[in-house]
PDB file of N, CA and C in Angstrom:
ATOM      1  N   MET A   1       5.841  18.240  -7.419  1.00  0.00           N
ATOM      2  CA  MET A   1       6.318  17.445  -8.495  1.00  0.00           C
ATOM      3  C   MET A   1       5.586  17.979 -10.000  1.00  0.00           C
ATOM      4  N   THR A   2       6.580  18.146 -10.718  1.00  0.00           N
ATOM      5  CA  THR A   2       5.982  18.610 -11.963  1.00  0.00           C
ATOM      6  C   THR A   2       5.735  17.637 -13.042  1.00  0.00           C
ATOM      7  N   VAL A   3       4.670  17.813 -13.893  1.00  0.00           N
ATOM      8  CA  VAL A   3       4.278  16.963 -14.990  1.00  0.00           C
ATOM      9  C   VAL A   3       5.316  16.733 -15.918  1.00  0.00           C
ATOM     10  N   PRO A   4       5.812  15.377 -16.253  1.00  0.00           N
ATOM     11  CA  PRO A   4       6.888  15.083 -17.310  1.00  0.00           C
ATOM     12  C   PRO A   4       6.324  15.637 -18.634  1.00  0.00           C
ATOM     13  N   ALA A   5       7.138  16.238 -19.362  1.00  0.00           N
ATOM     14  CA  ALA A   5       6.748  16.865 -20.719  1.00  0.00           C
ATOM     15  C   ALA A   5       6.904  15.902 -21.928  1.00  0.00           C
ATOM     16  N   ASN A   6       7.658  14.643 -21.641  1.00  0.00           N
ATOM     17  CA  ASN A   6       7.785  13.736 -22.705  1.00  0.00           C
ATOM     18  C   ASN A   6       8.197  12.275 -22.092  1.00  0.00           C
ATOM     19  N   LYS A   7       8.258  11.417 -22.946  1.00  0.00           N
ATOM     20  CA  LYS A   7       8.493  10.109 -22.636  1.00  0.00           C
ATOM     21  C   LYS A   7       9.737   9.881 -21.728  1.00  0.00           C
ATOM     22  N   ASP A   8      10.810  10.582 -22.193  1.00  0.00           N
ATOM     23  CA  ASP A   8      12.053  10.419 -21.450  1.00  0.00           C
ATOM     24  C   ASP A   8      11.951  11.038 -20.029  1.00  0.00           C
ATOM     25  N   GLU A   9      11.305  12.151 -19.822  1.00  0.00           N
ATOM     26  CA  GLU A   9      11.136  12.619 -18.622  1.00  0.00           C
ATOM     27  C   GLU A   9      10.289  11.802 -17.689  1.00  0.00           C
ATOM     28  N   LEU A  10       9.224  11.131 -18.385  1.00  0.00           N
ATOM     29  CA  LEU A  10       8.463  10.351 -17.614  1.00  0.00           C
ATOM     30  C   LEU A  10       9.126   8.967 -17.105  1.00  0.00           C
ATOM     31  N   LEU A  11       9.944   8.533 -18.076  1.00  0.00           N
ATOM     32  CA  LEU A  11      10.743   7.394 -17.579  1.00  0.00           C
ATOM     33  C   LEU A  11      11.812   7.672 -16.541  1.00  0.00           C
ATOM     34  N   GLN A  12      12.438   8.811 -16.543  1.00  0.00           N
ATOM     35  CA  GLN A  12      13.375   9.311 -15.530  1.00  0.00           C
ATOM     36  C   GLN A  12      12.531   9.443 -14.321  1.00  0.00           C
ATOM     37  N   SER A  13      11.429  10.134 -14.393  1.00  0.00           N
ATOM     38  CA  SER A  13      10.539  10.216 -12.988  1.00  0.00           C
ATOM     39  C   SER A  13      10.276   8.993 -12.352  1.00  0.00           C
ATOM     40  N   ILE A  14      10.051   8.126 -13.173  1.00  0.00           N
ATOM     41  CA  ILE A  14       9.612   6.676 -12.596  1.00  0.00           C
ATOM     42  C   ILE A  14      10.803   6.200 -12.024  1.00  0.00           C
ATOM     43  N   ASP A  15      11.972   6.143 -12.692  1.00  0.00           N
ATOM     44  CA  ASP A  15      13.090   5.485 -12.167  1.00  0.00           C
ATOM     45  C   ASP A  15      13.488   6.137 -10.876  1.00  0.00           C
ATOM     46  N   ILE A  16      13.563   7.502 -10.665  1.00  0.00           N
ATOM     47  CA  ILE A  16      13.717   8.329  -9.477  1.00  0.00           C
ATOM     48  C   ILE A  16      12.794   7.833  -8.373  1.00  0.00           C
ATOM     49  N   SER A  17      11.407   7.765  -8.758  1.00  0.00           N
ATOM     50  CA  SER A  17      10.402   7.406  -7.748  1.00  0.00           C
ATOM     51  C   SER A  17      10.759   5.874  -7.246  1.00  0.00           C
ATOM     52  N   PHE A  18      11.026   5.018  -8.329  1.00  0.00           N
ATOM     53  CA  PHE A  18      11.231   3.697  -7.893  1.00  0.00           C
ATOM     54  C   PHE A  18      12.569   3.584  -7.134  1.00  0.00           C
ATOM     55  N   ASP A  19      13.450   4.277  -7.273  1.00  0.00           N
ATOM     56  CA  ASP A  19      14.739   4.136  -6.345  1.00  0.00           C
ATOM     57  C   ASP A  19      14.370   4.676  -4.944  1.00  0.00           C
ATOM     58  N   LYS A  20      13.545   5.599  -4.842  1.00  0.00           N
ATOM     59  CA  LYS A  20      13.158   6.131  -3.411  1.00  0.00           C
ATOM     60  C   LYS A  20      12.387   5.134  -2.661  1.00  0.00           C
ATOM     61  N   LEU A  21      11.490   4.180  -3.543  1.00  0.00           N
ATOM     62  CA  LEU A  21      10.621   3.240  -2.956  1.00  0.00           C
ATOM     63  C   LEU A  21      11.498   2.169  -2.616  1.00  0.00           C
ATOM     64  N   ILE A  22      12.543   1.741  -3.201  1.00  0.00           N
ATOM     65  CA  ILE A  22      13.411   0.815  -2.788  1.00  0.00           C
ATOM     66  C   ILE A  22      14.355   1.085  -1.617  1.00  0.00           C
ATOM     67  N   ARG A  23      14.679   2.358  -1.496  1.00  0.00           N
ATOM     68  CA  ARG A  23      15.309   2.815  -0.163  1.00  0.00           C
ATOM     69  C   ARG A  23      14.351   2.613   1.070  1.00  0.00           C
ATOM     70  N   GLU A  24      13.210   3.085   0.739  1.00  0.00           N
ATOM     71  CA  GLU A  24      12.062   3.036   1.870  1.00  0.00           C
ATOM     72  C   GLU A  24      11.793   1.582   2.357  1.00  0.00           C
ATOM     73  N   LEU A  25      11.450   0.798   1.337  1.00  0.00           N
ATOM     74  CA  LEU A  25      11.449  -0.631   1.505  1.00  0.00           C
ATOM     75  C   LEU A  25      12.576  -1.212   2.351  1.00  0.00           C
ATOM     76  N   CYS A  26      13.638  -0.909   1.980  1.00  0.00           N
ATOM     77  CA  CYS A  26      15.082  -1.504   2.518  1.00  0.00           C
ATOM     78  C   CYS A  26      14.910  -1.088   3.969  1.00  0.00           C
ATOM     79  N   SER A  27      14.339  -0.081   4.429  1.00  0.00           N
ATOM     80  CA  SER A  27      14.284   0.316   5.881  1.00  0.00           C
ATOM     81  C   SER A  27      13.431  -0.471   6.735  1.00  0.00           C
ATOM     82  N   VAL A  28      12.478  -1.207   6.082  1.00  0.00           N
ATOM     83  CA  VAL A  28      11.591  -1.892   6.823  1.00  0.00           C
ATOM     84  C   VAL A  28      12.154  -3.297   7.407  1.00  0.00           C
ATOM     85  N   PRO A  29      11.995  -3.564   8.716  1.00  0.00           N
ATOM     86  CA  PRO A  29      12.514  -4.723   9.164  1.00  0.00           C
ATOM     87  C   PRO A  29      11.891  -5.984   8.577  1.00  0.00           C
ATOM     88  N   MET A  30      12.813  -7.110   8.161  1.00  0.00           N
ATOM     89  CA  MET A  30      12.186  -8.389   7.629  1.00  0.00           C
ATOM     90  C   MET A  30      10.794  -8.883   8.642  1.00  0.00           C
ATOM     91  N   SER A  31      11.107  -8.714   9.768  1.00  0.00           N
ATOM     92  CA  SER A  31      10.119  -9.365  10.872  1.00  0.00           C
ATOM     93  C   SER A  31       8.663  -8.556  10.580  1.00  0.00           C
ATOM     94  N   MET A  32       8.764  -7.086   9.968  1.00  0.00           N
ATOM     95  CA  MET A  32       7.394  -6.551   9.656  1.00  0.00           C
ATOM     96  C   MET A  32       7.051  -6.458   8.407  1.00  0.00           C
ATOM     97  N   LEU A  33       7.416  -7.221   7.488  1.00  0.00           N
ATOM     98  CA  LEU A  33       6.996  -7.415   5.974  1.00  0.00           C
ATOM     99  C   LEU A  33       5.766  -7.918   5.923  1.00  0.00           C
ATOM    100  N   GLY A  34       5.240  -8.782   6.720  1.00  0.00           N
ATOM    101  CA  GLY A  34       4.075  -9.593   6.689  1.00  0.00           C
ATOM    102  C   GLY A  34       2.876  -8.777   7.297  1.00  0.00           C
ATOM    103  N   GLU A  35       3.306  -7.814   8.104  1.00  0.00           N
ATOM    104  CA  GLU A  35       1.987  -7.056   8.884  1.00  0.00           C
ATOM    105  C   GLU A  35       1.294  -6.378   7.915  1.00  0.00           C
ATOM    106  N   CYS A  36      -0.216  -6.516   8.128  1.00  0.00           N
ATOM    107  CA  CYS A  36      -1.053  -5.732   7.344  1.00  0.00           C
ATOM    108  C   CYS A  36      -1.401  -4.368   7.922  1.00  0.00           C
ATOM    109  N   ASP A  37      -0.659  -3.508   7.747  1.00  0.00           N
ATOM    110  CA  ASP A  37      -0.801  -2.192   8.402  1.00  0.00           C
ATOM    111  C   ASP A  37      -0.694  -1.041   7.186  1.00  0.00           C
ATOM    112  N   LEU A  38      -0.887  -1.301   6.074  1.00  0.00           N
ATOM    113  CA  LEU A  38      -0.891  -0.255   4.944  1.00  0.00           C
ATOM    114  C   LEU A  38      -2.145  -0.365   4.382  1.00  0.00           C
ATOM    115  N   GLU A  39      -2.699   0.974   4.109  1.00  0.00           N
ATOM    116  CA  GLU A  39      -4.079   1.180   3.526  1.00  0.00           C
ATOM    117  C   GLU A  39      -4.026   0.443   2.174  1.00  0.00           C
ATOM    118  N   GLY A  40      -4.924  -0.235   1.975  1.00  0.00           N
ATOM    119  CA  GLY A  40      -5.308  -1.108   0.614  1.00  0.00           C
ATOM    120  C   GLY A  40      -5.781  -0.253  -0.502  1.00  0.00           C
ATOM    121  N   HIS A  41      -5.762  -0.680  -1.676  1.00  0.00           N
ATOM    122  CA  HIS A  41      -6.633  -0.126  -2.629  1.00  0.00           C
ATOM    123  C   HIS A  41      -8.150   0.315  -2.388  1.00  0.00           C
ATOM    124  N   SER A  42      -8.710  -0.767  -1.911  1.00  0.00           N
ATOM    125  CA  SER A  42     -10.133  -0.617  -1.614  1.00  0.00           C
ATOM    126  C   SER A  42     -10.419  -0.161  -0.307  1.00  0.00           C
ATOM    127  N   LYS A  43     -11.478   0.734  -0.170  1.00  0.00           N
ATOM    128  CA  LYS A  43     -11.813   1.468   1.126  1.00  0.00           C
ATOM    129  C   LYS A  43     -11.859   0.625   2.303  1.00  0.00           C
ATOM    130  N   GLY A  44     -11.175   0.670   3.376  1.00  0.00           N
ATOM    131  CA  GLY A  44     -11.310  -0.170   4.424  1.00  0.00           C
ATOM    132  C   GLY A  44     -10.474  -1.304   4.531  1.00  0.00           C
ATOM    133  N   THR A  45      -9.631  -1.585   3.449  1.00  0.00           N
ATOM    134  CA  THR A  45      -8.782  -2.711   3.555  1.00  0.00           C
ATOM    135  C   THR A  45      -7.221  -2.459   3.794  1.00  0.00           C
ATOM    136  N   GLN A  46      -6.515  -3.375   4.375  1.00  0.00           N
ATOM    137  CA  GLN A  46      -5.221  -3.188   4.690  1.00  0.00           C
ATOM    138  C   GLN A  46      -4.327  -4.412   3.983  1.00  0.00           C
ATOM    139  N   VAL A  47      -2.973  -3.959   3.509  1.00  0.00           N
ATOM    140  CA  VAL A  47      -2.114  -4.777   3.047  1.00  0.00           C
ATOM    141  C   VAL A  47      -0.878  -4.811   3.535  1.00  0.00           C
ATOM    142  N   SER A  48      -0.030  -5.866   3.619  1.00  0.00           N
ATOM    143  CA  SER A  48       1.282  -5.779   4.056  1.00  0.00           C
ATOM    144  C   SER A  48       2.195  -5.191   3.104  1.00  0.00           C
ATOM    145  N   VAL A  49       3.326  -4.915   3.476  1.00  0.00           N
ATOM    146  CA  VAL A  49       4.474  -4.273   2.754  1.00  0.00           C
ATOM    147  C   VAL A  49       4.779  -5.501   1.523  1.00  0.00           C
ATOM    148  N   ALA A  50       4.774  -6.741   1.960  1.00  0.00           N
ATOM    149  CA  ALA A  50       4.963  -7.946   1.149  1.00  0.00           C
ATOM    150  C   ALA A  50       4.153  -8.004  -0.108  1.00  0.00           C
ATOM    151  N   ASN A  51       2.666  -7.744   0.178  1.00  0.00           N
ATOM    152  CA  ASN A  51       1.522  -7.673  -0.702  1.00  0.00           C
ATOM    153  C   ASN A  51       1.770  -6.436  -1.581  1.00  0.00           C
ATOM    154  N   ALA A  52       1.986  -5.201  -1.109  1.00  0.00           N
ATOM    155  CA  ALA A  52       2.365  -4.164  -1.955  1.00  0.00           C
ATOM    156  C   ALA A  52       3.605  -4.344  -2.829  1.00  0.00           C
ATOM    157  N   CYS A  53       4.748  -4.861  -2.414  1.00  0.00           N
ATOM    158  CA  CYS A  53       5.778  -5.193  -3.361  1.00  0.00           C
ATOM    159  C   CYS A  53       5.263  -6.275  -4.355  1.00  0.00           C
ATOM    160  N   GLY A  54       4.577  -7.133  -4.107  1.00  0.00           N
ATOM    161  CA  GLY A  54       3.936  -8.112  -5.124  1.00  0.00           C
ATOM    162  C   GLY A  54       3.139  -7.368  -6.141  1.00  0.00           C
ATOM    163  N   ARG A  55       2.382  -6.373  -5.800  1.00  0.00           N
ATOM    164  CA  ARG A  55       1.661  -5.623  -6.835  1.00  0.00           C
ATOM    165  C   ARG A  55       2.597  -4.819  -7.673  1.00  0.00           C
ATOM    166  N   VAL A  56       3.472  -4.164  -7.151  1.00  0.00           N
ATOM    167  CA  VAL A  56       4.625  -3.306  -7.746  1.00  0.00           C
ATOM    168  C   VAL A  56       5.173  -4.398  -8.766  1.00  0.00           C
ATOM    169  N   ARG A  57       5.838  -5.433  -8.248  1.00  0.00           N
ATOM    170  CA  ARG A  57       6.253  -6.457  -9.125  1.00  0.00           C
ATOM    171  C   ARG A  57       5.473  -7.010 -10.303  1.00  0.00           C
ATOM    172  N   LYS A  58       4.298  -7.139 -10.077  1.00  0.00           N
ATOM    173  CA  LYS A  58       3.485  -7.591 -11.077  1.00  0.00           C
ATOM    174  C   LYS A  58       3.217  -6.516 -12.204  1.00  0.00           C
ATOM    175  N   TRP A  59       3.097  -5.341 -11.596  1.00  0.00           N
ATOM    176  CA  TRP A  59       2.960  -4.295 -12.550  1.00  0.00           C
ATOM    177  C   TRP A  59       4.146  -4.032 -13.424  1.00  0.00           C
ATOM    178  N   THR A  60       5.226  -3.926 -12.877  1.00  0.00           N
ATOM    179  CA  THR A  60       6.521  -3.755 -13.600  1.00  0.00           C
ATOM    180  C   THR A  60       6.588  -4.872 -14.602  1.00  0.00           C
ATOM    181  N   LYS A  61       6.466  -6.165 -14.230  1.00  0.00           N
ATOM    182  CA  LYS A  61       6.429  -7.217 -15.257  1.00  0.00           C
ATOM    183  C   LYS A  61       5.513  -7.003 -16.385  1.00  0.00           C
ATOM    184  N   ALA A  62       4.266  -6.596 -15.925  1.00  0.00           N
ATOM    185  CA  ALA A  62       3.355  -6.512 -17.109  1.00  0.00           C
ATOM    186  C   ALA A  62       3.685  -5.301 -18.090  1.00  0.00           C
ATOM    187  N   ASN A  63       4.400  -4.355 -17.619  1.00  0.00           N
ATOM    188  CA  ASN A  63       4.901  -3.033 -18.352  1.00  0.00           C
ATOM    189  C   ASN A  63       6.216  -3.024 -18.779  1.00  0.00           C
ATOM    190  N   GLY A  64       6.918  -4.292 -18.918  1.00  0.00           N
ATOM    191  CA  GLY A  64       8.223  -4.408 -19.585  1.00  0.00           C
ATOM    192  C   GLY A  64       9.231  -3.770 -18.726  1.00  0.00           C
ATOM    193  N   ARG A  65       9.212  -3.544 -17.505  1.00  0.00           N
ATOM    194  CA  ARG A  65      10.324  -2.916 -16.646  1.00  0.00           C
ATOM    195  C   ARG A  65      10.707  -4.131 -15.555  1.00  0.00           C
ATOM    196  N   GLU A  66      10.502  -5.147 -15.957  1.00  0.00           N
ATOM    197  CA  GLU A  66      10.789  -6.119 -15.003  1.00  0.00           C
ATOM    198  C   GLU A  66      12.069  -6.235 -14.417  1.00  0.00           C
ATOM    199  N   GLN A  67      13.324  -6.121 -15.146  1.00  0.00           N
ATOM    200  CA  GLN A  67      14.632  -5.915 -14.780  1.00  0.00           C
ATOM    201  C   GLN A  67      14.801  -5.162 -13.523  1.00  0.00           C
ATOM    202  N   LYS A  68      14.242  -3.836 -13.606  1.00  0.00           N
ATOM    203  CA  LYS A  68      14.442  -2.935 -12.599  1.00  0.00           C
ATOM    204  C   LYS A  68      13.719  -3.318 -11.182  1.00  0.00           C
ATOM    205  N   SER A  69      12.720  -4.127 -11.516  1.00  0.00           N
ATOM    206  CA  SER A  69      11.789  -4.485 -10.146  1.00  0.00           C
ATOM    207  C   SER A  69      12.550  -5.663  -9.511  1.00  0.00           C
ATOM    208  N   ARG A  70      13.625  -6.210 -10.124  1.00  0.00           N
ATOM    209  CA  ARG A  70      14.365  -7.382  -9.632  1.00  0.00           C
ATOM    210  C   ARG A  70      15.020  -6.943  -8.403  1.00  0.00           C
ATOM    211  N   THR A  71      15.639  -5.724  -8.413  1.00  0.00           N
ATOM    212  CA  THR A  71      16.483  -5.019  -7.410  1.00  0.00           C
ATOM    213  C   THR A  71      16.229  -5.457  -6.125  1.00  0.00           C
ATOM    214  N   LEU A  72      14.849  -5.170  -5.701  1.00  0.00           N
ATOM    215  CA  LEU A  72      14.419  -5.379  -4.378  1.00  0.00           C
ATOM    216  C   LEU A  72      14.505  -6.900  -4.061  1.00  0.00           C
ATOM    217  N   SER A  73      14.025  -7.684  -4.903  1.00  0.00           N
ATOM    218  CA  SER A  73      13.788  -9.262  -4.526  1.00  0.00           C
ATOM    219  C   SER A  73      15.153  -9.787  -4.606  1.00  0.00           C
ATOM    220  N   GLN A  74      16.335  -9.182  -5.285  1.00  0.00           N
ATOM    221  CA  GLN A  74      17.607  -9.723  -5.181  1.00  0.00           C
ATOM    222  C   GLN A  74      18.497  -9.293  -3.957  1.00  0.00           C
ATOM    223  N   ARG A  75      18.076  -8.199  -3.313  1.00  0.00           N
ATOM    224  CA  ARG A  75      18.858  -7.674  -2.292  1.00  0.00           C
ATOM    225  C   ARG A  75      18.204  -8.100  -0.825  1.00  0.00           C
ATOM    226  N   ARG A  76      18.999  -8.773  -0.319  1.00  0.00           N
ATOM    227  CA  ARG A  76      18.588  -9.226   1.160  1.00  0.00           C
ATOM    228  C   ARG A  76      19.581  -8.671   2.238  1.00  0.00           C
ATOM    229  N   ASP A  77      20.340  -7.652   1.830  1.00  0.00           N
ATOM    230  CA  ASP A  77      21.244  -6.970   2.756  1.00  0.00           C
ATOM    231  C   ASP A  77      20.855  -5.390   2.832  1.00  0.00           C
ATOM    232  N   CYS A  78      19.751  -5.110   2.429  1.00  0.00           N
ATOM    233  CA  CYS A  78      19.294  -3.681   2.509  1.00  0.00           C
ATOM    234  C   CYS A  78      19.674  -3.039   3.693  1.00  0.00           C
TER     235      CYS A  78
END
């Protein structure tokens, strides 16, 4: 992965990565969303897919990208 050279490239890279994240999350069965099997931020901790999505949602809202983050919460038919 190359380092973005300017703000536009950075935003484009974020959008591409976010789209990939959405596709991956949509592949997780609803029954597994609450299972804590992902490595957490702190050493030795684990989080669920739902918790990880909550962190992404909180971050995007705090950074003015809330509209894009709604994509996952609105889609129930992934």
